[in-house]
Amino acid sequence: MQNQTLKKGQDDLDITVNHDCTWCFSDPDGVFGNPSTLLAAGSYSATNPHTTYGPYTPVATGTVYFNAVTSGPCNPQGITATGHTIIVTN
């Protein structure tokens, strides 16, 4: 998943797991609620067909940073240079 731009209360987000990975995210603005209702951080296994989680509807404006890695530690701030952000506007 790359950068996503959503509208608060209007757009939905689905997350599809297509590789075995560790998913993590940081939602400091409470974009998906407080506590966040976004897919729980942790390890996920790809299935066939791939598993899709959601829909998740943003309830506030702000930015969520995410990352999913197949090995090594996951950085919840994402790697912004490659577009690991979800930006929610009004």
Protein backbone atom coordinates (compact mmCIF):
# COMPACT_ATOMS: atom_id res chain seq x y z
CA MET A 1 0.00 0.00 0.00
CA GLN A 2 1.30 3.42 -0.90
CA ASN A 3 0.18 6.91 0.13
CA GLN A 4 -3.56 7.22 0.53
CA THR A 5 -5.54 10.45 0.74
CA LEU A 6 -9.02 10.10 2.25
CA LYS A 7 -11.86 12.38 3.27
CA LYS A 8 -12.98 12.20 6.90
CA GLY A 9 -16.27 10.32 7.31
CA GLN A 10 -16.62 9.72 3.57
CA ASP A 11 -13.88 7.46 2.25
CA ASP A 12 -13.08 3.96 3.44
CA LEU A 13 -9.74 2.19 3.64
CA ASP A 14 -9.21 -1.54 3.06
CA ILE A 15 -5.90 -3.25 3.87
CA THR A 16 -5.04 -6.37 1.87
CA VAL A 17 -2.32 -8.71 3.15
CA ASN A 18 -0.58 -10.31 0.17
CA HIS A 19 2.75 -11.34 1.79
CA ASP A 20 3.72 -12.71 5.19
CA CYS A 21 4.62 -9.55 7.07
CA THR A 22 4.71 -7.56 10.27
CA TRP A 23 2.36 -4.57 10.08
CA CYS A 24 2.69 -1.52 12.30
CA PHE A 25 1.31 1.97 12.32
CA SER A 26 1.24 5.22 14.27
CA ASP A 27 -2.06 7.12 14.53
CA PRO A 28 -1.16 10.07 16.81
CA ASP A 29 -4.05 12.21 15.54
CA GLY A 30 -6.73 9.58 16.26
CA VAL A 31 -7.65 9.47 12.57
CA PHE A 32 -9.24 6.04 12.98
CA GLY A 33 -10.56 6.65 16.52
CA ASN A 34 -9.02 6.72 19.94
CA PRO A 35 -7.92 4.04 20.44
CA SER A 36 -7.42 3.42 16.75
CA THR A 37 -9.69 0.89 15.07
CA LEU A 38 -7.17 0.33 12.26
CA LEU A 39 -5.87 -3.21 11.67
CA ALA A 40 -4.03 -4.22 14.84
CA ALA A 41 -0.24 -4.10 14.65
CA GLY A 42 1.32 -7.54 14.52
CA SER A 43 2.31 -10.41 12.26
CA TYR A 44 0.04 -11.47 9.43
CA SER A 45 0.22 -14.43 7.06
CA ALA A 46 -0.76 -14.19 3.44
CA THR A 47 -3.53 -16.50 2.36
CA ASN A 48 -4.81 -17.54 -1.02
CA PRO A 49 -6.89 -15.64 -1.87
CA HIS A 50 -5.30 -12.71 -0.04
CA THR A 51 -7.02 -11.46 3.10
CA THR A 52 -8.58 -7.98 3.09
CA TYR A 53 -9.33 -6.16 6.34
CA GLY A 54 -11.69 -3.24 6.64
CA PRO A 55 -13.38 -1.10 5.71
CA TYR A 56 -11.92 1.49 8.06
CA THR A 57 -13.56 4.92 7.99
CA PRO A 58 -11.53 7.88 9.27
CA VAL A 59 -13.22 9.91 12.01
CA ALA A 60 -10.69 12.77 12.27
CA THR A 61 -8.26 14.65 10.07
CA GLY A 62 -4.54 13.98 10.32
CA THR A 63 -1.81 11.62 9.20
CA VAL A 64 -1.23 7.94 9.92
CA TYR A 65 2.24 6.49 9.32
CA PHE A 66 2.50 2.80 8.48
CA ASN A 67 4.92 0.14 7.41
CA ALA A 68 4.87 -3.59 6.75
CA VAL A 69 8.12 -5.53 6.69
CA THR A 70 8.92 -9.14 5.85
CA SER A 71 12.00 -9.21 8.09
CA GLY A 72 13.58 -7.07 10.75
CA PRO A 73 11.93 -4.48 12.98
CA CYS A 74 8.99 -2.43 11.83
CA ASN A 75 9.27 1.35 12.03
CA PRO A 76 5.82 2.75 12.84
CA GLN A 77 6.79 6.11 11.40
CA GLY A 78 6.92 4.39 8.01
CA ILE A 79 9.32 5.35 5.31
CA THR A 80 7.89 8.61 4.09
CA ALA A 81 10.21 8.76 1.07
CA THR A 82 8.41 5.74 -0.40
CA GLY A 83 4.95 6.93 0.55
CA HIS A 84 3.86 5.13 3.70
CA THR A 85 1.25 7.61 4.90
CA ILE A 86 -2.52 7.90 5.07
CA ILE A 87 -3.58 11.53 4.95
CA VAL A 88 -7.14 12.44 5.95
CA THR A 89 -8.70 15.79 5.13
CA ASN A 90 -12.15 17.30 5.67
